[in-house]
PDB file of N, CA and C in Angstrom:
ATOM      1  N   UNK A   1      -5.702  -7.029  -8.257  1.00  0.00           N
ATOM      2  CA  UNK A   1      -4.604  -6.623  -7.177  1.00  0.00           C
ATOM      3  C   UNK A   1      -4.957  -5.045  -6.629  1.00  0.00           C
ATOM      4  N   UNK A   2      -5.186  -4.183  -7.560  1.00  0.00           N
ATOM      5  CA  UNK A   2      -5.361  -2.858  -7.090  1.00  0.00           C
ATOM      6  C   UNK A   2      -6.712  -2.649  -6.329  1.00  0.00           C
ATOM      7  N   UNK A   3      -7.772  -3.369  -6.629  1.00  0.00           N
ATOM      8  CA  UNK A   3      -9.026  -3.180  -5.787  1.00  0.00           C
ATOM      9  C   UNK A   3      -8.653  -3.948  -4.479  1.00  0.00           C
ATOM     10  N   UNK A   4      -7.855  -4.984  -4.468  1.00  0.00           N
ATOM     11  CA  UNK A   4      -7.496  -5.533  -3.011  1.00  0.00           C
ATOM     12  C   UNK A   4      -6.695  -4.708  -2.268  1.00  0.00           C
ATOM     13  N   UNK A   5      -5.772  -3.911  -2.905  1.00  0.00           N
ATOM     14  CA  UNK A   5      -4.890  -2.916  -2.124  1.00  0.00           C
ATOM     15  C   UNK A   5      -5.858  -1.873  -1.393  1.00  0.00           C
ATOM     16  N   UNK A   6      -6.826  -1.327  -2.276  1.00  0.00           N
ATOM     17  CA  UNK A   6      -7.846  -0.344  -1.945  1.00  0.00           C
ATOM     18  C   UNK A   6      -8.635  -0.896  -0.735  1.00  0.00           C
ATOM     19  N   UNK A   7      -9.096  -1.885  -0.721  1.00  0.00           N
ATOM     20  CA  UNK A   7      -9.991  -2.516   0.278  1.00  0.00           C
ATOM     21  C   UNK A   7      -9.222  -2.664   1.607  1.00  0.00           C
ATOM     22  N   UNK A   8      -7.840  -3.114   1.487  1.00  0.00           N
ATOM     23  CA  UNK A   8      -6.987  -3.286   2.573  1.00  0.00           C
ATOM     24  C   UNK A   8      -6.823  -1.732   3.405  1.00  0.00           C
ATOM     25  N   UNK A   9      -6.578  -0.756   2.473  1.00  0.00           N
ATOM     26  CA  UNK A   9      -6.353   0.624   2.892  1.00  0.00           C
ATOM     27  C   UNK A   9      -7.717   1.048   3.537  1.00  0.00           C
ATOM     28  N   UNK A  10      -8.857   0.890   3.040  1.00  0.00           N
ATOM     29  CA  UNK A  10     -10.032   1.134   3.789  1.00  0.00           C
ATOM     30  C   UNK A  10     -10.270   0.519   5.092  1.00  0.00           C
ATOM     31  N   UNK A  11      -9.904  -0.689   5.041  1.00  0.00           N
ATOM     32  CA  UNK A  11     -10.049  -1.534   6.356  1.00  0.00           C
ATOM     33  C   UNK A  11      -8.992  -1.022   7.353  1.00  0.00           C
ATOM     34  N   UNK A  12      -7.841  -0.849   6.965  1.00  0.00           N
ATOM     35  CA  UNK A  12      -6.824  -0.773   7.927  1.00  0.00           C
ATOM     36  C   UNK A  12      -6.608   0.723   8.436  1.00  0.00           C
ATOM     37  N   UNK A  13      -6.960   1.537   7.429  1.00  0.00           N
ATOM     38  CA  UNK A  13      -6.666   3.006   7.732  1.00  0.00           C
ATOM     39  C   UNK A  13      -7.806   3.904   7.678  1.00  0.00           C
ATOM     40  N   UNK A  14      -9.086   3.245   7.431  1.00  0.00           N
ATOM     41  CA  UNK A  14     -10.347   3.848   7.525  1.00  0.00           C
ATOM     42  C   UNK A  14     -10.537   5.178   6.702  1.00  0.00           C
ATOM     43  N   UNK A  15      -9.796   5.030   5.507  1.00  0.00           N
ATOM     44  CA  UNK A  15      -9.892   6.178   4.564  1.00  0.00           C
ATOM     45  C   UNK A  15     -10.785   5.832   3.323  1.00  0.00           C
ATOM     46  N   UNK A  16     -11.382   6.784   2.849  1.00  0.00           N
ATOM     47  CA  UNK A  16     -12.298   6.806   1.648  1.00  0.00           C
ATOM     48  C   UNK A  16     -11.302   6.722   0.409  1.00  0.00           C
ATOM     49  N   UNK A  17     -11.425   5.529  -0.332  1.00  0.00           N
ATOM     50  CA  UNK A  17     -10.547   5.413  -1.374  1.00  0.00           C
ATOM     51  C   UNK A  17     -11.228   5.814  -2.692  1.00  0.00           C
ATOM     52  N   UNK A  18     -12.247   6.328  -2.767  1.00  0.00           N
ATOM     53  CA  UNK A  18     -13.005   6.759  -4.130  1.00  0.00           C
ATOM     54  C   UNK A  18     -12.155   7.661  -4.484  1.00  0.00           C
ATOM     55  N   UNK A  19     -11.825   7.570  -5.831  1.00  0.00           N
ATOM     56  CA  UNK A  19     -10.963   8.641  -6.509  1.00  0.00           C
ATOM     57  C   UNK A  19      -9.432   8.274  -6.463  1.00  0.00           C
ATOM     58  N   UNK A  20      -9.136   7.269  -5.772  1.00  0.00           N
ATOM     59  CA  UNK A  20      -7.761   6.820  -5.485  1.00  0.00           C
ATOM     60  C   UNK A  20      -7.232   5.989  -6.798  1.00  0.00           C
ATOM     61  N   UNK A  21      -6.159   6.383  -7.433  1.00  0.00           N
ATOM     62  CA  UNK A  21      -5.567   5.908  -8.626  1.00  0.00           C
ATOM     63  C   UNK A  21      -4.190   5.294  -8.431  1.00  0.00           C
ATOM     64  N   UNK A  22      -3.544   4.756  -9.230  1.00  0.00           N
ATOM     65  CA  UNK A  22      -2.358   4.161  -8.869  1.00  0.00           C
ATOM     66  C   UNK A  22      -1.113   5.273  -8.764  1.00  0.00           C
ATOM     67  N   UNK A  23      -1.564   6.580  -9.257  1.00  0.00           N
ATOM     68  CA  UNK A  23      -0.692   7.743  -9.165  1.00  0.00           C
ATOM     69  C   UNK A  23      -0.740   8.487  -7.712  1.00  0.00           C
ATOM     70  N   UNK A  24      -1.813   8.130  -6.978  1.00  0.00           N
ATOM     71  CA  UNK A  24      -2.147   8.651  -5.673  1.00  0.00           C
ATOM     72  C   UNK A  24      -0.884   8.171  -4.641  1.00  0.00           C
ATOM     73  N   UNK A  25      -0.439   9.307  -4.071  1.00  0.00           N
ATOM     74  CA  UNK A  25       0.717   9.173  -3.270  1.00  0.00           C
ATOM     75  C   UNK A  25       0.316   9.054  -1.774  1.00  0.00           C
ATOM     76  N   UNK A  26       0.984   8.333  -1.104  1.00  0.00           N
ATOM     77  CA  UNK A  26       0.428   8.126   0.452  1.00  0.00           C
ATOM     78  C   UNK A  26       0.495   9.498   1.289  1.00  0.00           C
ATOM     79  N   UNK A  27       1.955  10.102   1.306  1.00  0.00           N
ATOM     80  CA  UNK A  27       2.061  11.111   2.118  1.00  0.00           C
ATOM     81  C   UNK A  27       1.489  12.298   1.624  1.00  0.00           C
ATOM     82  N   UNK A  28       1.414  12.742   0.375  1.00  0.00           N
ATOM     83  CA  UNK A  28       1.147  13.889  -0.145  1.00  0.00           C
ATOM     84  C   UNK A  28      -0.307  13.956  -0.361  1.00  0.00           C
ATOM     85  N   UNK A  29      -0.989  13.025  -1.123  1.00  0.00           N
ATOM     86  CA  UNK A  29      -2.226  12.886  -1.387  1.00  0.00           C
ATOM     87  C   UNK A  29      -3.266  12.479  -0.312  1.00  0.00           C
ATOM     88  N   UNK A  30      -2.858  11.364   0.432  1.00  0.00           N
ATOM     89  CA  UNK A  30      -3.693  10.746   1.232  1.00  0.00           C
ATOM     90  C   UNK A  30      -3.331  11.293   2.880  1.00  0.00           C
ATOM     91  N   UNK A  31      -2.217  11.897   2.795  1.00  0.00           N
ATOM     92  CA  UNK A  31      -1.747  12.375   4.391  1.00  0.00           C
ATOM     93  C   UNK A  31      -1.733  11.280   5.314  1.00  0.00           C
ATOM     94  N   UNK A  32      -1.242  10.161   4.851  1.00  0.00           N
ATOM     95  CA  UNK A  32      -0.798   8.883   5.543  1.00  0.00           C
ATOM     96  C   UNK A  32       0.465   9.234   6.239  1.00  0.00           C
ATOM     97  N   UNK A  33       0.549   9.185   7.572  1.00  0.00           N
ATOM     98  CA  UNK A  33       1.848   9.242   8.273  1.00  0.00           C
ATOM     99  C   UNK A  33       2.641   7.803   8.351  1.00  0.00           C
ATOM    100  N   UNK A  34       3.840   7.881   9.072  1.00  0.00           N
ATOM    101  CA  UNK A  34       4.576   6.642   9.037  1.00  0.00           C
ATOM    102  C   UNK A  34       3.815   5.521   9.735  1.00  0.00           C
ATOM    103  N   UNK A  35       3.179   5.920  10.775  1.00  0.00           N
ATOM    104  CA  UNK A  35       2.478   5.035  11.583  1.00  0.00           C
ATOM    105  C   UNK A  35       1.384   4.219  10.742  1.00  0.00           C
ATOM    106  N   UNK A  36       0.565   5.158  10.015  1.00  0.00           N
ATOM    107  CA  UNK A  36      -0.456   4.558   9.061  1.00  0.00           C
ATOM    108  C   UNK A  36       0.222   3.598   7.888  1.00  0.00           C
ATOM    109  N   UNK A  37       1.426   4.111   7.458  1.00  0.00           N
ATOM    110  CA  UNK A  37       1.916   3.298   6.560  1.00  0.00           C
ATOM    111  C   UNK A  37       2.658   2.052   6.894  1.00  0.00           C
ATOM    112  N   UNK A  38       3.015   1.990   8.097  1.00  0.00           N
ATOM    113  CA  UNK A  38       3.429   0.841   8.774  1.00  0.00           C
ATOM    114  C   UNK A  38       2.296  -0.231   8.992  1.00  0.00           C
ATOM    115  N   UNK A  39       1.184   0.213   9.359  1.00  0.00           N
ATOM    116  CA  UNK A  39      -0.049  -0.613   9.527  1.00  0.00           C
ATOM    117  C   UNK A  39      -0.431  -1.089   8.243  1.00  0.00           C
ATOM    118  N   UNK A  40      -0.199  -0.292   7.196  1.00  0.00           N
ATOM    119  CA  UNK A  40      -0.748  -0.838   5.799  1.00  0.00           C
ATOM    120  C   UNK A  40       0.300  -1.880   5.297  1.00  0.00           C
ATOM    121  N   UNK A  41       1.504  -1.567   5.522  1.00  0.00           N
ATOM    122  CA  UNK A  41       2.501  -2.670   5.144  1.00  0.00           C
ATOM    123  C   UNK A  41       2.602  -3.960   5.918  1.00  0.00           C
ATOM    124  N   UNK A  42       1.979  -3.945   7.269  1.00  0.00           N
ATOM    125  CA  UNK A  42       1.681  -5.017   7.937  1.00  0.00           C
ATOM    126  C   UNK A  42       0.687  -5.841   7.369  1.00  0.00           C
ATOM    127  N   UNK A  43      -0.456  -5.220   6.996  1.00  0.00           N
ATOM    128  CA  UNK A  43      -1.698  -5.781   6.319  1.00  0.00           C
ATOM    129  C   UNK A  43      -1.319  -6.455   5.108  1.00  0.00           C
ATOM    130  N   UNK A  44      -0.480  -5.822   4.335  1.00  0.00           N
ATOM    131  CA  UNK A  44      -0.116  -6.296   2.964  1.00  0.00           C
ATOM    132  C   UNK A  44       0.841  -7.509   3.295  1.00  0.00           C
ATOM    133  N   UNK A  45       1.780  -7.466   4.122  1.00  0.00           N
ATOM    134  CA  UNK A  45       2.424  -8.537   4.450  1.00  0.00           C
ATOM    135  C   UNK A  45       1.554  -9.838   4.971  1.00  0.00           C
ATOM    136  N   UNK A  46       0.797  -9.613   5.791  1.00  0.00           N
ATOM    137  CA  UNK A  46      -0.241 -10.651   6.175  1.00  0.00           C
ATOM    138  C   UNK A  46      -0.996 -11.266   5.019  1.00  0.00           C
ATOM    139  N   UNK A  47      -1.732 -10.278   4.118  1.00  0.00           N
ATOM    140  CA  UNK A  47      -2.397 -10.687   3.192  1.00  0.00           C
ATOM    141  C   UNK A  47      -1.701 -11.555   2.188  1.00  0.00           C
ATOM    142  N   UNK A  48      -0.623 -11.071   1.812  1.00  0.00           N
ATOM    143  CA  UNK A  48       0.016 -11.733   0.674  1.00  0.00           C
ATOM    144  C   UNK A  48       1.269 -12.799   1.126  1.00  0.00           C
ATOM    145  N   UNK A  49       1.326 -12.864   2.416  1.00  0.00           N
ATOM    146  CA  UNK A  49       2.480 -13.677   2.987  1.00  0.00           C
ATOM    147  C   UNK A  49       3.703 -13.514   2.517  1.00  0.00           C
ATOM    148  N   UNK A  50       4.230 -12.166   2.416  1.00  0.00           N
ATOM    149  CA  UNK A  50       5.472 -11.651   2.058  1.00  0.00           C
ATOM    150  C   UNK A  50       6.019 -10.830   3.321  1.00  0.00           C
ATOM    151  N   UNK A  51       7.301 -10.436   3.164  1.00  0.00           N
ATOM    152  CA  UNK A  51       8.083  -9.667   4.122  1.00  0.00           C
ATOM    153  C   UNK A  51       8.375  -8.407   3.362  1.00  0.00           C
ATOM    154  N   UNK A  52       8.214  -7.232   3.729  1.00  0.00           N
ATOM    155  CA  UNK A  52       8.794  -5.871   3.089  1.00  0.00           C
ATOM    156  C   UNK A  52       9.807  -5.371   4.115  1.00  0.00           C
ATOM    157  N   UNK A  53      10.980  -5.357   3.409  1.00  0.00           N
ATOM    158  CA  UNK A  53      12.180  -4.796   4.173  1.00  0.00           C
ATOM    159  C   UNK A  53      11.989  -3.363   4.220  1.00  0.00           C
ATOM    160  N   UNK A  54      12.752  -2.618   5.312  1.00  0.00           N
ATOM    161  CA  UNK A  54      12.661  -1.407   5.305  1.00  0.00           C
ATOM    162  C   UNK A  54      13.141  -0.564   4.299  1.00  0.00           C
ATOM    163  N   UNK A  55      14.177  -0.885   3.551  1.00  0.00           N
ATOM    164  CA  UNK A  55      14.737  -0.367   2.401  1.00  0.00           C
ATOM    165  C   UNK A  55      13.840  -0.454   1.122  1.00  0.00           C
ATOM    166  N   UNK A  56      13.094  -1.367   1.264  1.00  0.00           N
ATOM    167  CA  UNK A  56      12.087  -1.658   0.186  1.00  0.00           C
ATOM    168  C   UNK A  56      10.986  -0.614   0.300  1.00  0.00           C
ATOM    169  N   UNK A  57      10.589  -0.323   1.495  1.00  0.00           N
ATOM    170  CA  UNK A  57       9.537   0.463   2.037  1.00  0.00           C
ATOM    171  C   UNK A  57       9.770   1.905   1.433  1.00  0.00           C
ATOM    172  N   UNK A  58      11.144   2.252   1.527  1.00  0.00           N
ATOM    173  CA  UNK A  58      11.471   3.690   1.130  1.00  0.00           C
ATOM    174  C   UNK A  58      11.183   3.939  -0.378  1.00  0.00           C
ATOM    175  N   UNK A  59      11.057   2.719  -0.980  1.00  0.00           N
ATOM    176  CA  UNK A  59      10.735   2.934  -2.525  1.00  0.00           C
ATOM    177  C   UNK A  59       9.254   2.972  -2.748  1.00  0.00           C
ATOM    178  N   UNK A  60       8.441   2.818  -1.708  1.00  0.00           N
ATOM    179  CA  UNK A  60       6.881   2.822  -2.017  1.00  0.00           C
ATOM    180  C   UNK A  60       6.403   4.033  -1.592  1.00  0.00           C
ATOM    181  N   UNK A  61       5.990   4.803  -2.586  1.00  0.00           N
ATOM    182  CA  UNK A  61       5.504   6.261  -2.391  1.00  0.00           C
ATOM    183  C   UNK A  61       4.109   6.456  -2.806  1.00  0.00           C
ATOM    184  N   UNK A  62       3.565   5.563  -3.711  1.00  0.00           N
ATOM    185  CA  UNK A  62       2.075   5.717  -4.280  1.00  0.00           C
ATOM    186  C   UNK A  62       1.483   4.246  -4.418  1.00  0.00           C
ATOM    187  N   UNK A  63       0.354   4.271  -4.626  1.00  0.00           N
ATOM    188  CA  UNK A  63      -0.602   2.876  -4.693  1.00  0.00           C
ATOM    189  C   UNK A  63       0.110   2.274  -5.944  1.00  0.00           C
ATOM    190  N   UNK A  64       0.386   2.837  -6.939  1.00  0.00           N
ATOM    191  CA  UNK A  64       1.019   2.323  -8.043  1.00  0.00           C
ATOM    192  C   UNK A  64       2.304   1.570  -7.697  1.00  0.00           C
ATOM    193  N   UNK A  65       3.209   2.005  -6.886  1.00  0.00           N
ATOM    194  CA  UNK A  65       4.448   1.554  -6.322  1.00  0.00           C
ATOM    195  C   UNK A  65       4.087   0.153  -5.422  1.00  0.00           C
ATOM    196  N   UNK A  66       3.058   0.180  -4.901  1.00  0.00           N
ATOM    197  CA  UNK A  66       2.690  -1.136  -4.194  1.00  0.00           C
ATOM    198  C   UNK A  66       2.215  -2.175  -5.157  1.00  0.00           C
ATOM    199  N   UNK A  67       1.404  -1.676  -6.052  1.00  0.00           N
ATOM    200  CA  UNK A  67       1.209  -2.796  -7.304  1.00  0.00           C
ATOM    201  C   UNK A  67       2.339  -3.208  -7.890  1.00  0.00           C
ATOM    202  N   UNK A  68       3.339  -2.364  -8.241  1.00  0.00           N
ATOM    203  CA  UNK A  68       4.433  -2.878  -9.020  1.00  0.00           C
ATOM    204  C   UNK A  68       5.295  -3.750  -8.001  1.00  0.00           C
ATOM    205  N   UNK A  69       5.417  -3.274  -6.597  1.00  0.00           N
ATOM    206  CA  UNK A  69       6.368  -4.063  -5.786  1.00  0.00           C
ATOM    207  C   UNK A  69       5.679  -5.649  -5.640  1.00  0.00           C
ATOM    208  N   UNK A  70       4.362  -5.603  -5.581  1.00  0.00           N
ATOM    209  CA  UNK A  70       3.762  -7.005  -5.368  1.00  0.00           C
ATOM    210  C   UNK A  70       3.924  -7.741  -6.654  1.00  0.00           C
ATOM    211  N   UNK A  71       3.567  -7.094  -7.776  1.00  0.00           N
ATOM    212  CA  UNK A  71       4.053  -7.788  -9.179  1.00  0.00           C
ATOM    213  C   UNK A  71       5.480  -8.335  -9.263  1.00  0.00           C
ATOM    214  N   UNK A  72       6.315  -7.604  -8.816  1.00  0.00           N
ATOM    215  CA  UNK A  72       7.841  -8.106  -8.741  1.00  0.00           C
ATOM    216  C   UNK A  72       7.898  -9.191  -7.893  1.00  0.00           C
ATOM    217  N   UNK A  73       7.172  -9.413  -6.840  1.00  0.00           N
ATOM    218  CA  UNK A  73       7.198 -10.662  -5.938  1.00  0.00           C
ATOM    219  C   UNK A  73       6.334 -11.728  -6.512  1.00  0.00           C
ATOM    220  N   UNK A  74       5.714 -11.419  -7.617  1.00  0.00           N
ATOM    221  CA  UNK A  74       5.035 -12.638  -8.260  1.00  0.00           C
ATOM    222  C   UNK A  74       3.534 -12.605  -8.006  1.00  0.00           C
ATOM    223  N   UNK A  75       3.132 -11.509  -7.465  1.00  0.00           N
ATOM    224  CA  UNK A  75       1.666 -11.655  -6.841  1.00  0.00           C
ATOM    225  C   UNK A  75       0.688 -10.947  -7.901  1.00  0.00           C
ATOM    226  N   UNK A  76      -0.317 -11.504  -8.087  1.00  0.00           N
ATOM    227  CA  UNK A  76      -1.171 -10.926  -9.310  1.00  0.00           C
ATOM    228  C   UNK A  76      -2.592 -10.553  -8.591  1.00  0.00           C
TER     229      UNK A  76
END
């Protein structure tokens, strides 16, 4: 799942994910703004056929948070 998230990040945001770990934060480390984060969330929703609520999005600060969030939704 981690590799798929990185692939989506590369495709949607056009960023180089070399060196990205689960501890990498979106805003501080990757300098992703709210519009970029929205694009990423939309792509994740489409890829995994889920809906991410705004209050859930507030808890997603790092790549690892995405992994944990998806795992909690039963996605492997």
